[in-house]
Amino acid sequence: PTTVLTCAAAPEPTRRAWQEAGADVVVAGEDAVDLAAAVTAL
């Protein structure tokens, strides 16, 4: 599975579509990807 790092501002339907296609989706940050939060989640 591909890990997609994204933020909460990414449209929910898009995040759901990535998951349904087989990706692991990590939401880290509100308006942009917060790299420190992403590293913590990973």
Full PDB file with SEQRES, HELIX, SHEET, SSBOND, CRYST1, ORIGX, SCALE, CONECT and MASTER records, all heavy atoms in Angstrom:
SEQRES   1 A   42  PRO THR THR VAL LEU THR CYS ALA ALA ALA PRO GLU PRO          
SEQRES   2 A   42  THR ARG ARG ALA TRP GLN GLU ALA GLY ALA ASP VAL VAL          
SEQRES   3 A   42  VAL ALA GLY GLU ASP ALA VAL ASP LEU ALA ALA ALA VAL          
SEQRES   4 A   42  THR ALA LEU                                                  
HELIX    1 AA1 GLU A   12  GLU A   20  1                                   9    
HELIX    2 AA2 LEU A   35  ALA A   41  1                                   7    
SHEET    1 AA1 2 THR A   3  THR A   6  0                                        
SHEET    2 AA1 2 ASP A  24  VAL A  27  1                                        
CRYST1    1.000    1.000    1.000  90.00  90.00  90.00 P 1           1          
ORIGX1      1.000000  0.000000  0.000000        0.00000                         
ORIGX2      0.000000  1.000000  0.000000        0.00000                         
ORIGX3      0.000000  0.000000  1.000000        0.00000                         
SCALE1      1.000000  0.000000  0.000000        0.00000                         
SCALE2      0.000000  1.000000  0.000000        0.00000                         
SCALE3      0.000000  0.000000  1.000000        0.00000                         
ATOM      1  N   PRO A   1       0.820  -1.218   0.000  1.00  0.00           N  
ATOM      2  CA  PRO A   1       0.000   0.000   0.000  1.00  0.00           C  
ATOM      3  C   PRO A   1       0.857   1.274   0.000  1.00  0.00           C  
ATOM      4  O   PRO A   1       1.832   1.393   0.737  1.00  0.00           O  
ATOM      5  CB  PRO A   1      -0.815  -0.106   1.289  1.00  0.00           C  
ATOM      6  CG  PRO A   1      -0.896  -1.575   1.547  1.00  0.00           C  
ATOM      7  CD  PRO A   1       0.433  -2.124   1.087  1.00  0.00           C  
ATOM      8  N   THR A   2       0.493   2.193  -0.847  1.00  0.00           N  
ATOM      9  CA  THR A   2       1.132   3.498  -0.903  1.00  0.00           C  
ATOM     10  C   THR A   2       0.639   4.319   0.275  1.00  0.00           C  
ATOM     11  O   THR A   2      -0.544   4.295   0.603  1.00  0.00           O  
ATOM     12  CB  THR A   2       0.750   4.212  -2.216  1.00  0.00           C  
ATOM     13  OG1 THR A   2       1.214   3.420  -3.309  1.00  0.00           O  
ATOM     14  CG2 THR A   2       1.329   5.607  -2.298  1.00  0.00           C  
ATOM     15  N   THR A   3       1.529   5.040   0.909  1.00  0.00           N  
ATOM     16  CA  THR A   3       1.144   5.957   1.977  1.00  0.00           C  
ATOM     17  C   THR A   3       1.029   7.352   1.383  1.00  0.00           C  
ATOM     18  O   THR A   3       1.986   7.854   0.795  1.00  0.00           O  
ATOM     19  CB  THR A   3       2.176   5.955   3.118  1.00  0.00           C  
ATOM     20  OG1 THR A   3       2.255   4.629   3.656  1.00  0.00           O  
ATOM     21  CG2 THR A   3       1.782   6.924   4.218  1.00  0.00           C  
ATOM     22  N   VAL A   4      -0.145   7.936   1.516  1.00  0.00           N  
ATOM     23  CA  VAL A   4      -0.379   9.302   1.042  1.00  0.00           C  
ATOM     24  C   VAL A   4      -0.414  10.209   2.258  1.00  0.00           C  
ATOM     25  O   VAL A   4      -1.247  10.047   3.142  1.00  0.00           O  
ATOM     26  CB  VAL A   4      -1.711   9.416   0.258  1.00  0.00           C  
ATOM     27  CG1 VAL A   4      -1.951  10.855  -0.167  1.00  0.00           C  
ATOM     28  CG2 VAL A   4      -1.709   8.486  -0.947  1.00  0.00           C  
ATOM     29  N   LEU A   5       0.528  11.140   2.307  1.00  0.00           N  
ATOM     30  CA  LEU A   5       0.548  12.150   3.365  1.00  0.00           C  
ATOM     31  C   LEU A   5      -0.265  13.335   2.883  1.00  0.00           C  
ATOM     32  O   LEU A   5      -0.024  13.856   1.799  1.00  0.00           O  
ATOM     33  CB  LEU A   5       1.978  12.596   3.653  1.00  0.00           C  
ATOM     34  CG  LEU A   5       2.953  11.509   4.075  1.00  0.00           C  
ATOM     35  CD1 LEU A   5       4.353  12.082   4.198  1.00  0.00           C  
ATOM     36  CD2 LEU A   5       2.511  10.850   5.354  1.00  0.00           C  
ATOM     37  N   THR A   6      -1.242  13.740   3.676  1.00  0.00           N  
ATOM     38  CA  THR A   6      -2.112  14.837   3.271  1.00  0.00           C  
ATOM     39  C   THR A   6      -2.505  15.649   4.499  1.00  0.00           C  
ATOM     40  O   THR A   6      -2.066  15.378   5.605  1.00  0.00           O  
ATOM     41  CB  THR A   6      -3.340  14.302   2.505  1.00  0.00           C  
ATOM     42  OG1 THR A   6      -4.013  15.385   1.870  1.00  0.00           O  
ATOM     43  CG2 THR A   6      -4.289  13.531   3.404  1.00  0.00           C  
ATOM     44  N   CYS A   7      -3.340  16.636   4.277  1.00  0.00           N  
ATOM     45  CA  CYS A   7      -3.794  17.496   5.374  1.00  0.00           C  
ATOM     46  C   CYS A   7      -5.322  17.454   5.446  1.00  0.00           C  
ATOM     47  O   CYS A   7      -5.990  16.973   4.533  1.00  0.00           O  
ATOM     48  CB  CYS A   7      -3.296  18.921   5.177  1.00  0.00           C  
ATOM     49  SG  CYS A   7      -3.854  19.692   3.657  1.00  0.00           S  
ATOM     50  N   ALA A   8      -5.858  17.997   6.518  1.00  0.00           N  
ATOM     51  CA  ALA A   8      -7.304  17.999   6.729  1.00  0.00           C  
ATOM     52  C   ALA A   8      -8.037  18.808   5.663  1.00  0.00           C  
ATOM     53  O   ALA A   8      -9.216  18.560   5.405  1.00  0.00           O  
ATOM     54  CB  ALA A   8      -7.629  18.534   8.122  1.00  0.00           C  
ATOM     55  N   ALA A   9      -7.344  19.762   5.027  1.00  0.00           N  
ATOM     56  CA  ALA A   9      -7.975  20.578   3.988  1.00  0.00           C  
ATOM     57  C   ALA A   9      -8.206  19.808   2.687  1.00  0.00           C  
ATOM     58  O   ALA A   9      -8.980  20.250   1.838  1.00  0.00           O  
ATOM     59  CB  ALA A   9      -7.133  21.822   3.708  1.00  0.00           C  
ATOM     60  N   ALA A  10      -7.550  18.666   2.529  1.00  0.00           N  
ATOM     61  CA  ALA A  10      -7.795  17.847   1.331  1.00  0.00           C  
ATOM     62  C   ALA A  10      -9.240  17.371   1.363  1.00  0.00           C  
ATOM     63  O   ALA A  10      -9.744  16.968   2.418  1.00  0.00           O  
ATOM     64  CB  ALA A  10      -6.852  16.657   1.302  1.00  0.00           C  
ATOM     65  N   PRO A  11      -9.928  17.431   0.246  1.00  0.00           N  
ATOM     66  CA  PRO A  11     -11.343  17.041   0.233  1.00  0.00           C  
ATOM     67  C   PRO A  11     -11.561  15.613   0.743  1.00  0.00           C  
ATOM     68  O   PRO A  11     -10.833  14.690   0.358  1.00  0.00           O  
ATOM     69  CB  PRO A  11     -11.729  17.159  -1.241  1.00  0.00           C  
ATOM     70  CG  PRO A  11     -10.706  18.077  -1.836  1.00  0.00           C  
ATOM     71  CD  PRO A  11      -9.446  17.845  -1.067  1.00  0.00           C  
ATOM     72  N   GLU A  12     -12.531  15.462   1.614  1.00  0.00           N  
ATOM     73  CA  GLU A  12     -12.857  14.149   2.177  1.00  0.00           C  
ATOM     74  C   GLU A  12     -13.131  13.113   1.087  1.00  0.00           C  
ATOM     75  O   GLU A  12     -12.655  11.984   1.189  1.00  0.00           O  
ATOM     76  CB  GLU A  12     -14.039  14.261   3.150  1.00  0.00           C  
ATOM     77  CG  GLU A  12     -14.521  12.932   3.695  1.00  0.00           C  
ATOM     78  CD  GLU A  12     -13.465  12.159   4.480  1.00  0.00           C  
ATOM     79  OE1 GLU A  12     -12.621  12.790   5.130  1.00  0.00           O  
ATOM     80  OE2 GLU A  12     -13.485  10.908   4.422  1.00  0.00           O  
ATOM     81  N   PRO A  13     -13.886  13.441   0.036  1.00  0.00           N  
ATOM     82  CA  PRO A  13     -14.107  12.432  -1.008  1.00  0.00           C  
ATOM     83  C   PRO A  13     -12.797  11.956  -1.653  1.00  0.00           C  
ATOM     84  O   PRO A  13     -12.667  10.781  -2.001  1.00  0.00           O  
ATOM     85  CB  PRO A  13     -14.991  13.145  -2.033  1.00  0.00           C  
ATOM     86  CG  PRO A  13     -15.677  14.220  -1.253  1.00  0.00           C  
ATOM     87  CD  PRO A  13     -14.673  14.657  -0.220  1.00  0.00           C  
ATOM     88  N   THR A  14     -11.842  12.846  -1.788  1.00  0.00           N  
ATOM     89  CA  THR A  14     -10.548  12.464  -2.358  1.00  0.00           C  
ATOM     90  C   THR A  14      -9.802  11.544  -1.411  1.00  0.00           C  
ATOM     91  O   THR A  14      -9.264  10.508  -1.821  1.00  0.00           O  
ATOM     92  CB  THR A  14      -9.697  13.717  -2.658  1.00  0.00           C  
ATOM     93  OG1 THR A  14     -10.412  14.545  -3.571  1.00  0.00           O  
ATOM     94  CG2 THR A  14      -8.349  13.347  -3.245  1.00  0.00           C  
ATOM     95  N   ARG A  15      -9.784  11.878  -0.130  1.00  0.00           N  
ATOM     96  CA  ARG A  15      -9.110  11.021   0.856  1.00  0.00           C  
ATOM     97  C   ARG A  15      -9.759   9.638   0.890  1.00  0.00           C  
ATOM     98  O   ARG A  15      -9.079   8.618   0.936  1.00  0.00           O  
ATOM     99  CB  ARG A  15      -9.142  11.668   2.241  1.00  0.00           C  
ATOM    100  CG  ARG A  15      -8.233  12.878   2.325  1.00  0.00           C  
ATOM    101  CD  ARG A  15      -8.150  13.430   3.738  1.00  0.00           C  
ATOM    102  NE  ARG A  15      -9.283  14.310   3.969  1.00  0.00           N  
ATOM    103  CZ  ARG A  15      -9.805  14.576   5.146  1.00  0.00           C  
ATOM    104  NH1 ARG A  15      -9.338  14.010   6.243  1.00  0.00           N  
ATOM    105  NH2 ARG A  15     -10.814  15.409   5.260  1.00  0.00           N  
ATOM    106  N   ARG A  16     -11.072   9.609   0.845  1.00  0.00           N  
ATOM    107  CA  ARG A  16     -11.793   8.333   0.858  1.00  0.00           C  
ATOM    108  C   ARG A  16     -11.485   7.530  -0.408  1.00  0.00           C  
ATOM    109  O   ARG A  16     -11.270   6.314  -0.353  1.00  0.00           O  
ATOM    110  CB  ARG A  16     -13.301   8.585   0.997  1.00  0.00           C  
ATOM    111  CG  ARG A  16     -14.103   7.329   1.224  1.00  0.00           C  
ATOM    112  CD  ARG A  16     -15.574   7.587   1.531  1.00  0.00           C  
ATOM    113  NE  ARG A  16     -16.189   8.644   0.754  1.00  0.00           N  
ATOM    114  CZ  ARG A  16     -16.521   9.855   1.207  1.00  0.00           C  
ATOM    115  NH1 ARG A  16     -16.277  10.176   2.456  1.00  0.00           N  
ATOM    116  NH2 ARG A  16     -17.092  10.739   0.424  1.00  0.00           N  
ATOM    117  N   ALA A  17     -11.412   8.196  -1.554  1.00  0.00           N  
ATOM    118  CA  ALA A  17     -11.102   7.510  -2.815  1.00  0.00           C  
ATOM    119  C   ALA A  17      -9.705   6.899  -2.781  1.00  0.00           C  
ATOM    120  O   ALA A  17      -9.496   5.784  -3.267  1.00  0.00           O  
ATOM    121  CB  ALA A  17     -11.246   8.475  -3.991  1.00  0.00           C  
ATOM    122  N   TRP A  18      -8.737   7.622  -2.200  1.00  0.00           N  
ATOM    123  CA  TRP A  18      -7.392   7.054  -2.067  1.00  0.00           C  
ATOM    124  C   TRP A  18      -7.434   5.781  -1.236  1.00  0.00           C  
ATOM    125  O   TRP A  18      -6.834   4.776  -1.598  1.00  0.00           O  
ATOM    126  CB  TRP A  18      -6.447   8.046  -1.400  1.00  0.00           C  
ATOM    127  CG  TRP A  18      -6.051   9.229  -2.216  1.00  0.00           C  
ATOM    128  CD1 TRP A  18      -5.909   9.303  -3.576  1.00  0.00           C  
ATOM    129  CD2 TRP A  18      -5.719  10.524  -1.714  1.00  0.00           C  
ATOM    130  NE1 TRP A  18      -5.508  10.563  -3.944  1.00  0.00           N  
ATOM    131  CE2 TRP A  18      -5.381  11.333  -2.823  1.00  0.00           C  
ATOM    132  CE3 TRP A  18      -5.663  11.078  -0.442  1.00  0.00           C  
ATOM    133  CZ2 TRP A  18      -4.996  12.670  -2.691  1.00  0.00           C  
ATOM    134  CZ3 TRP A  18      -5.276  12.407  -0.313  1.00  0.00           C  
ATOM    135  CH2 TRP A  18      -4.954  13.184  -1.427  1.00  0.00           C  
ATOM    136  N   GLN A  19      -8.168   5.831  -0.127  1.00  0.00           N  
ATOM    137  CA  GLN A  19      -8.271   4.651   0.736  1.00  0.00           C  
ATOM    138  C   GLN A  19      -8.951   3.501   0.011  1.00  0.00           C  
ATOM    139  O   GLN A  19      -8.498   2.364   0.089  1.00  0.00           O  
ATOM    140  CB  GLN A  19      -9.022   4.990   2.016  1.00  0.00           C  
ATOM    141  CG  GLN A  19      -8.227   5.871   2.945  1.00  0.00           C  
ATOM    142  CD  GLN A  19      -9.010   6.281   4.172  1.00  0.00           C  
ATOM    143  OE1 GLN A  19     -10.184   6.635   4.078  1.00  0.00           O  
ATOM    144  NE2 GLN A  19      -8.354   6.261   5.321  1.00  0.00           N  
ATOM    145  N   GLU A  20     -10.029   3.787  -0.678  1.00  0.00           N  
ATOM    146  CA  GLU A  20     -10.751   2.742  -1.402  1.00  0.00           C  
ATOM    147  C   GLU A  20      -9.907   2.131  -2.511  1.00  0.00           C  
ATOM    148  O   GLU A  20     -10.086   0.967  -2.865  1.00  0.00           O  
ATOM    149  CB  GLU A  20     -12.064   3.293  -1.958  1.00  0.00           C  
ATOM    150  CG  GLU A  20     -13.064   3.595  -0.862  1.00  0.00           C  
ATOM    151  CD  GLU A  20     -14.300   4.340  -1.344  1.00  0.00           C  
ATOM    152  OE1 GLU A  20     -14.378   4.692  -2.544  1.00  0.00           O  
ATOM    153  OE2 GLU A  20     -15.183   4.592  -0.501  1.00  0.00           O  
ATOM    154  N   ALA A  21      -8.957   2.904  -3.047  1.00  0.00           N  
ATOM    155  CA  ALA A  21      -8.064   2.410  -4.091  1.00  0.00           C  
ATOM    156  C   ALA A  21      -6.901   1.612  -3.513  1.00  0.00           C  
ATOM    157  O   ALA A  21      -6.126   1.024  -4.249  1.00  0.00           O  
ATOM    158  CB  ALA A  21      -7.544   3.571  -4.930  1.00  0.00           C  
ATOM    159  N   GLY A  22      -6.773   1.613  -2.174  1.00  0.00           N  
ATOM    160  CA  GLY A  22      -5.757   0.800  -1.535  1.00  0.00           C  
ATOM    161  C   GLY A  22      -4.660   1.546  -0.815  1.00  0.00           C  
ATOM    162  O   GLY A  22      -3.750   0.926  -0.261  1.00  0.00           O  
ATOM    163  N   ALA A  23      -4.702   2.862  -0.800  1.00  0.00           N  
ATOM    164  CA  ALA A  23      -3.655   3.641  -0.138  1.00  0.00           C  
ATOM    165  C   ALA A  23      -3.916   3.754   1.362  1.00  0.00           C  
ATOM    166  O   ALA A  23      -5.066   3.721   1.809  1.00  0.00           O  
ATOM    167  CB  ALA A  23      -3.583   5.039  -0.742  1.00  0.00           C  
ATOM    168  N   ASP A  24      -2.819   3.878   2.105  1.00  0.00           N  
ATOM    169  CA  ASP A  24      -2.898   4.251   3.508  1.00  0.00           C  
ATOM    170  C   ASP A  24      -2.827   5.777   3.537  1.00  0.00           C  
ATOM    171  O   ASP A  24      -1.875   6.351   2.998  1.00  0.00           O  
ATOM    172  CB  ASP A  24      -1.728   3.674   4.300  1.00  0.00           C  
ATOM    173  CG  ASP A  24      -1.789   2.161   4.414  1.00  0.00           C  
ATOM    174  OD1 ASP A  24      -2.908   1.602   4.431  1.00  0.00           O  
ATOM    175  OD2 ASP A  24      -0.722   1.545   4.497  1.00  0.00           O  
ATOM    176  N   VAL A  25      -3.809   6.415   4.114  1.00  0.00           N  
ATOM    177  CA  VAL A  25      -3.870   7.873   4.121  1.00  0.00           C  
ATOM    178  C   VAL A  25      -3.550   8.383   5.518  1.00  0.00           C  
ATOM    179  O   VAL A  25      -4.175   7.975   6.496  1.00  0.00           O  
ATOM    180  CB  VAL A  25      -5.256   8.377   3.662  1.00  0.00           C  
ATOM    181  CG1 VAL A  25      -5.343   9.883   3.729  1.00  0.00           C  
ATOM    182  CG2 VAL A  25      -5.548   7.886   2.245  1.00  0.00           C  
ATOM    183  N   VAL A  26      -2.555   9.269   5.597  1.00  0.00           N  
ATOM    184  CA  VAL A  26      -2.152   9.875   6.855  1.00  0.00           C  
ATOM    185  C   VAL A  26      -2.464  11.364   6.771  1.00  0.00           C  
ATOM    186  O   VAL A  26      -1.928  12.069   5.920  1.00  0.00           O  
ATOM    187  CB  VAL A  26      -0.644   9.665   7.124  1.00  0.00           C  
ATOM    188  CG1 VAL A  26      -0.210  10.405   8.377  1.00  0.00           C  
ATOM    189  CG2 VAL A  26      -0.322   8.185   7.215  1.00  0.00           C  
ATOM    190  N   VAL A  27      -3.365  11.817   7.634  1.00  0.00           N  
ATOM    191  CA  VAL A  27      -3.709  13.237   7.696  1.00  0.00           C  
ATOM    192  C   VAL A  27      -2.836  13.871   8.768  1.00  0.00           C  
ATOM    193  O   VAL A  27      -2.902  13.496   9.936  1.00  0.00           O  
ATOM    194  CB  VAL A  27      -5.203  13.442   8.015  1.00  0.00           C  
ATOM    195  CG1 VAL A  27      -5.529  14.918   8.142  1.00  0.00           C  
ATOM    196  CG2 VAL A  27      -6.068  12.796   6.941  1.00  0.00           C  
ATOM    197  N   ALA A  28      -2.001  14.822   8.332  1.00  0.00           N  
ATOM    198  CA  ALA A  28      -1.064  15.476   9.249  1.00  0.00           C  
ATOM    199  C   ALA A  28      -1.052  16.961   8.935  1.00  0.00           C  
ATOM    200  O   ALA A  28      -0.477  17.390   7.950  1.00  0.00           O  
ATOM    201  CB  ALA A  28       0.330  14.886   9.086  1.00  0.00           C  
ATOM    202  N   GLY A  29      -1.737  17.735   9.733  1.00  0.00           N  
ATOM    203  CA  GLY A  29      -1.818  19.169   9.517  1.00  0.00           C  
ATOM    204  C   GLY A  29      -3.198  19.591   9.066  1.00  0.00           C  
ATOM    205  O   GLY A  29      -4.006  18.768   8.641  1.00  0.00           O  
ATOM    206  N   GLU A  30      -3.463  20.870   9.178  1.00  0.00           N  
ATOM    207  CA  GLU A  30      -4.773  21.413   8.826  1.00  0.00           C  
ATOM    208  C   GLU A  30      -4.838  21.899   7.380  1.00  0.00           C  
ATOM    209  O   GLU A  30      -5.566  21.348   6.578  1.00  0.00           O  
ATOM    210  CB  GLU A  30      -5.146  22.551   9.780  1.00  0.00           C  
ATOM    211  CG  GLU A  30      -5.387  22.094  11.211  1.00  0.00           C  
ATOM    212  CD  GLU A  30      -6.526  21.097  11.320  1.00  0.00           C  
ATOM    213  OE1 GLU A  30      -7.574  21.286  10.670  1.00  0.00           O  
ATOM    214  OE2 GLU A  30      -6.369  20.111  12.053  1.00  0.00           O  
ATOM    215  N   ASP A  31      -4.082  22.927   7.056  1.00  0.00           N  
ATOM    216  CA  ASP A  31      -4.135  23.529   5.723  1.00  0.00           C  
ATOM    217  C   ASP A  31      -2.996  23.074   4.818  1.00  0.00           C  
ATOM    218  O   ASP A  31      -3.049  23.274   3.609  1.00  0.00           O  
ATOM    219  CB  ASP A  31      -4.105  25.058   5.821  1.00  0.00           C  
ATOM    220  CG  ASP A  31      -5.327  25.590   6.546  1.00  0.00           C  
ATOM    221  OD1 ASP A  31      -6.438  25.104   6.270  1.00  0.00           O  
ATOM    222  OD2 ASP A  31      -5.171  26.489   7.397  1.00  0.00           O  
ATOM    223  N   ALA A  32      -1.970  22.509   5.401  1.00  0.00           N  
ATOM    224  CA  ALA A  32      -0.812  21.983   4.674  1.00  0.00           C  
ATOM    225  C   ALA A  32      -0.292  20.794   5.462  1.00  0.00           C  
ATOM    226  O   ALA A  32      -0.603  20.640   6.646  1.00  0.00           O  
ATOM    227  CB  ALA A  32       0.271  23.054   4.553  1.00  0.00           C  
ATOM    228  N   VAL A  33       0.491  19.955   4.810  1.00  0.00           N  
ATOM    229  CA  VAL A  33       1.055  18.809   5.512  1.00  0.00           C  
ATOM    230  C   VAL A  33       2.087  19.298   6.521  1.00  0.00           C  
ATOM    231  O   VAL A  33       2.987  20.059   6.188  1.00  0.00           O  
ATOM    232  CB  VAL A  33       1.698  17.820   4.522  1.00  0.00           C  
ATOM    233  CG1 VAL A  33       2.384  16.691   5.264  1.00  0.00           C  
ATOM    234  CG2 VAL A  33       0.642  17.254   3.570  1.00  0.00           C  
ATOM    235  N   ASP A  34       1.908  18.882   7.755  1.00  0.00           N  
ATOM    236  CA  ASP A  34       2.837  19.182   8.843  1.00  0.00           C  
ATOM    237  C   ASP A  34       3.820  18.013   8.900  1.00  0.00           C  
ATOM    238  O   ASP A  34       3.456  16.903   9.310  1.00  0.00           O  
ATOM    239  CB  ASP A  34       2.055  19.326  10.148  1.00  0.00           C  
ATOM    240  CG  ASP A  34       2.924  19.569  11.358  1.00  0.00           C  
ATOM    241  OD1 ASP A  34       4.088  19.120  11.389  1.00  0.00           O  
ATOM    242  OD2 ASP A  34       2.418  20.206  12.294  1.00  0.00           O  
ATOM    243  N   LEU A  35       5.046  18.239   8.451  1.00  0.00           N  
ATOM    244  CA  LEU A  35       6.005  17.152   8.349  1.00  0.00           C  
ATOM    245  C   LEU A  35       6.323  16.507   9.691  1.00  0.00           C  
ATOM    246  O   LEU A  35       6.462  15.282   9.774  1.00  0.00           O  
ATOM    247  CB  LEU A  35       7.283  17.629   7.664  1.00  0.00           C  
ATOM    248  CG  LEU A  35       7.109  17.987   6.182  1.00  0.00           C  
ATOM    249  CD1 LEU A  35       8.432  18.463   5.605  1.00  0.00           C  
ATOM    250  CD2 LEU A  35       6.564  16.814   5.394  1.00  0.00           C  
ATOM    251  N   ALA A  36       6.413  17.293  10.756  1.00  0.00           N  
ATOM    252  CA  ALA A  36       6.680  16.718  12.078  1.00  0.00           C  
ATOM    253  C   ALA A  36       5.535  15.797  12.499  1.00  0.00           C  
ATOM    254  O   ALA A  36       5.763  14.693  13.013  1.00  0.00           O  
ATOM    255  CB  ALA A  36       6.900  17.827  13.106  1.00  0.00           C  
ATOM    256  N   ALA A  37       4.302  16.220  12.276  1.00  0.00           N  
ATOM    257  CA  ALA A  37       3.137  15.388  12.597  1.00  0.00           C  
ATOM    258  C   ALA A  37       3.110  14.138  11.722  1.00  0.00           C  
ATOM    259  O   ALA A  37       2.747  13.053  12.191  1.00  0.00           O  
ATOM    260  CB  ALA A  37       1.853  16.180  12.447  1.00  0.00           C  
ATOM    261  N   ALA A  38       3.505  14.276  10.470  1.00  0.00           N  
ATOM    262  CA  ALA A  38       3.537  13.124   9.560  1.00  0.00           C  
ATOM    263  C   ALA A  38       4.566  12.100  10.031  1.00  0.00           C  
ATOM    264  O   ALA A  38       4.297  10.899  10.062  1.00  0.00           O  
ATOM    265  CB  ALA A  38       3.844  13.582   8.137  1.00  0.00           C  
ATOM    266  N   VAL A  39       5.751  12.572  10.419  1.00  0.00           N  
ATOM    267  CA  VAL A  39       6.790  11.660  10.912  1.00  0.00           C  
ATOM    268  C   VAL A  39       6.310  10.960  12.184  1.00  0.00           C  
ATOM    269  O   VAL A  39       6.495   9.741  12.337  1.00  0.00           O  
ATOM    270  CB  VAL A  39       8.118  12.411  11.156  1.00  0.00           C  
ATOM    271  CG1 VAL A  39       9.106  11.558  11.924  1.00  0.00           C  
ATOM    272  CG2 VAL A  39       8.713  12.867   9.830  1.00  0.00           C  
ATOM    273  N   THR A  40       5.665  11.689  13.064  1.00  0.00           N  
ATOM    274  CA  THR A  40       5.132  11.082  14.286  1.00  0.00           C  
ATOM    275  C   THR A  40       4.106  10.003  13.943  1.00  0.00           C  
ATOM    276  O   THR A  40       4.142   8.900  14.494  1.00  0.00           O  
ATOM    277  CB  THR A  40       4.500  12.155  15.200  1.00  0.00           C  
ATOM    278  OG1 THR A  40       5.518  13.088  15.565  1.00  0.00           O  
ATOM    279  CG2 THR A  40       3.872  11.551  16.434  1.00  0.00           C  
ATOM    280  N   ALA A  41       3.186  10.299  13.029  1.00  0.00           N  
ATOM    281  CA  ALA A  41       2.160   9.318  12.638  1.00  0.00           C  
ATOM    282  C   ALA A  41       2.780   8.097  11.984  1.00  0.00           C  
ATOM    283  O   ALA A  41       2.369   6.959  12.254  1.00  0.00           O  
ATOM    284  CB  ALA A  41       1.159   9.979  11.704  1.00  0.00           C  
ATOM    285  N   LEU A  42       3.764   8.312  11.140  1.00  0.00           N  
ATOM    286  CA  LEU A  42       4.430   7.179  10.486  1.00  0.00           C  
ATOM    287  C   LEU A  42       5.204   6.330  11.483  1.00  0.00           C  
ATOM    288  O   LEU A  42       5.208   5.099  11.382  1.00  0.00           O  
ATOM    289  CB  LEU A  42       5.351   7.689   9.375  1.00  0.00           C  
ATOM    290  CG  LEU A  42       4.653   8.327   8.178  1.00  0.00           C  
ATOM    291  CD1 LEU A  42       5.678   8.979   7.263  1.00  0.00           C  
ATOM    292  CD2 LEU A  42       3.833   7.299   7.413  1.00  0.00           C  
TER     293      LEU A  42                                                      
MASTER        0    0    0    2    2    0    0    6  292    1    0    4          
END                                                                             
